[in-house]
């Protein structure tokens, strides 16, 4: 899911049940740790922060 446009990804995340968000956050953490610094990594960090706001 994370290979598509970030706006589309956010829309998908918004439509997911809240209980599934922590699992997606774990996937994003893994992507962040595997991705070298740059634009792609920044995208994953922004999506992770977006998820934090969804569950707070």
N, C-alpha and C. Protein backbone atom coordinates (compact mmCIF):
# COMPACT_ATOMS: atom_id res chain seq x y z
N UNK A 1 0.82 -1.19 0.00
CA UNK A 1 0.00 0.00 0.00
C UNK A 1 0.87 1.25 0.00
N UNK A 2 2.07 1.19 0.52
CA UNK A 2 2.88 2.39 0.70
C UNK A 2 3.61 2.83 -0.57
N UNK A 3 3.46 2.10 -1.65
CA UNK A 3 4.11 2.48 -2.90
C UNK A 3 3.25 3.45 -3.71
N UNK A 4 2.01 3.69 -3.25
CA UNK A 4 1.12 4.60 -3.98
C UNK A 4 1.23 6.02 -3.42
N UNK A 5 0.55 6.93 -4.05
CA UNK A 5 0.53 8.33 -3.66
C UNK A 5 0.20 8.47 -2.17
N UNK A 6 0.96 9.29 -1.41
CA UNK A 6 0.70 9.45 0.02
C UNK A 6 -0.74 9.90 0.33
N UNK A 7 -1.33 10.72 -0.52
CA UNK A 7 -2.72 11.14 -0.29
C UNK A 7 -3.66 9.94 -0.35
N UNK A 8 -3.43 9.05 -1.27
CA UNK A 8 -4.25 7.83 -1.37
C UNK A 8 -4.02 6.94 -0.15
N UNK A 9 -2.77 6.83 0.26
CA UNK A 9 -2.44 6.02 1.43
C UNK A 9 -3.16 6.57 2.66
N UNK A 10 -3.15 7.88 2.83
CA UNK A 10 -3.84 8.50 3.97
C UNK A 10 -5.33 8.22 3.92
N UNK A 11 -5.91 8.27 2.74
CA UNK A 11 -7.33 7.98 2.60
C UNK A 11 -7.64 6.55 3.01
N UNK A 12 -6.78 5.62 2.60
CA UNK A 12 -6.95 4.21 2.98
C UNK A 12 -6.82 4.06 4.49
N UNK A 13 -5.81 4.69 5.07
CA UNK A 13 -5.60 4.60 6.52
C UNK A 13 -6.80 5.18 7.28
N UNK A 14 -7.35 6.29 6.81
CA UNK A 14 -8.52 6.89 7.47
C UNK A 14 -9.72 5.96 7.46
N UNK A 15 -9.84 5.17 6.41
CA UNK A 15 -11.01 4.30 6.30
C UNK A 15 -10.85 2.98 7.07
N UNK A 16 -9.65 2.71 7.56
CA UNK A 16 -9.40 1.47 8.30
C UNK A 16 -9.96 1.58 9.72
N UNK A 17 -10.36 0.45 10.28
CA UNK A 17 -10.77 0.47 11.70
C UNK A 17 -9.57 0.87 12.57
N UNK A 18 -9.85 1.62 13.63
CA UNK A 18 -8.78 2.12 14.50
C UNK A 18 -7.92 1.00 15.07
N UNK A 19 -8.51 -0.15 15.31
CA UNK A 19 -7.74 -1.24 15.92
C UNK A 19 -6.67 -1.80 14.97
N UNK A 20 -6.79 -1.54 13.68
CA UNK A 20 -5.80 -2.01 12.71
C UNK A 20 -4.65 -1.04 12.51
N UNK A 21 -4.79 0.18 12.98
CA UNK A 21 -3.77 1.21 12.78
C UNK A 21 -2.44 0.84 13.44
N UNK A 22 -2.42 0.33 14.69
CA UNK A 22 -1.13 -0.02 15.30
C UNK A 22 -0.32 -1.03 14.47
N UNK A 23 -0.98 -1.97 13.83
CA UNK A 23 -0.26 -2.93 12.97
C UNK A 23 0.36 -2.21 11.78
N UNK A 24 -0.36 -1.27 11.21
CA UNK A 24 0.19 -0.49 10.10
C UNK A 24 1.36 0.37 10.56
N UNK A 25 1.27 0.87 11.78
CA UNK A 25 2.36 1.67 12.33
C UNK A 25 3.63 0.82 12.48
N UNK A 26 3.46 -0.43 12.87
CA UNK A 26 4.62 -1.32 12.97
C UNK A 26 5.26 -1.55 11.59
N UNK A 27 4.42 -1.72 10.58
CA UNK A 27 4.94 -1.87 9.22
C UNK A 27 5.70 -0.62 8.78
N UNK A 28 5.15 0.55 9.14
CA UNK A 28 5.81 1.80 8.78
C UNK A 28 7.15 1.93 9.51
N UNK A 29 7.19 1.53 10.79
CA UNK A 29 8.45 1.57 11.54
C UNK A 29 9.51 0.73 10.85
N UNK A 30 9.10 -0.43 10.38
CA UNK A 30 10.04 -1.31 9.68
C UNK A 30 10.52 -0.64 8.39
N UNK A 31 9.59 -0.05 7.64
CA UNK A 31 9.96 0.65 6.40
C UNK A 31 10.93 1.79 6.70
N UNK A 32 10.68 2.53 7.78
CA UNK A 32 11.54 3.65 8.16
C UNK A 32 12.95 3.15 8.45
N UNK A 33 13.04 2.04 9.20
CA UNK A 33 14.37 1.54 9.56
C UNK A 33 15.11 0.93 8.38
N UNK A 34 14.39 0.42 7.40
CA UNK A 34 15.02 -0.21 6.23
C UNK A 34 15.39 0.78 5.13
N UNK A 35 14.77 1.96 5.14
CA UNK A 35 14.94 2.92 4.06
C UNK A 35 16.04 3.92 4.38
N UNK A 36 16.97 4.13 3.46
CA UNK A 36 18.01 5.13 3.71
C UNK A 36 17.42 6.54 3.76
N UNK A 37 18.10 7.45 4.48
CA UNK A 37 17.58 8.82 4.56
C UNK A 37 17.33 9.42 3.17
N UNK A 38 16.24 10.14 3.08
CA UNK A 38 15.86 10.75 1.80
C UNK A 38 14.37 10.95 1.72
N UNK A 39 13.91 11.18 0.53
CA UNK A 39 12.50 11.50 0.30
C UNK A 39 11.59 10.33 0.69
N UNK A 40 11.95 9.11 0.30
CA UNK A 40 11.11 7.95 0.62
C UNK A 40 10.97 7.78 2.13
N UNK A 41 12.08 7.89 2.84
CA UNK A 41 12.04 7.72 4.29
C UNK A 41 11.18 8.82 4.92
N UNK A 42 11.31 10.03 4.43
CA UNK A 42 10.50 11.15 4.94
C UNK A 42 9.02 10.87 4.75
N UNK A 43 8.68 10.27 3.61
CA UNK A 43 7.28 9.92 3.33
C UNK A 43 6.76 8.94 4.39
N UNK A 44 7.56 7.93 4.72
CA UNK A 44 7.14 6.95 5.72
C UNK A 44 7.01 7.59 7.10
N UNK A 45 7.91 8.51 7.43
CA UNK A 45 7.84 9.20 8.72
C UNK A 45 6.56 10.03 8.80
N UNK A 46 6.25 10.74 7.74
CA UNK A 46 5.02 11.55 7.72
C UNK A 46 3.78 10.67 7.86
N UNK A 47 3.79 9.51 7.19
CA UNK A 47 2.64 8.60 7.32
C UNK A 47 2.54 8.03 8.73
N UNK A 48 3.67 7.75 9.36
CA UNK A 48 3.67 7.26 10.74
C UNK A 48 3.05 8.31 11.67
N UNK A 49 3.46 9.56 11.50
CA UNK A 49 2.90 10.64 12.32
C UNK A 49 1.40 10.83 12.06
N UNK A 50 0.99 10.64 10.82
CA UNK A 50 -0.42 10.70 10.48
C UNK A 50 -1.19 9.63 11.25
N UNK A 51 -0.63 8.43 11.30
CA UNK A 51 -1.26 7.33 12.04
C UNK A 51 -1.36 7.66 13.54
N UNK A 52 -0.32 8.27 14.07
CA UNK A 52 -0.34 8.67 15.48
C UNK A 52 -1.53 9.59 15.76
N UNK A 53 -1.76 10.53 14.85
CA UNK A 53 -2.90 11.44 15.03
C UNK A 53 -4.24 10.71 14.90
N UNK A 54 -4.28 9.69 14.06
CA UNK A 54 -5.54 8.94 13.90
C UNK A 54 -5.93 8.19 15.17
N UNK A 55 -4.96 7.68 15.90
CA UNK A 55 -5.31 6.88 17.08
C UNK A 55 -5.32 7.69 18.37
N UNK A 56 -4.93 8.95 18.31
CA UNK A 56 -4.94 9.75 19.55
C UNK A 56 -6.29 10.39 19.79
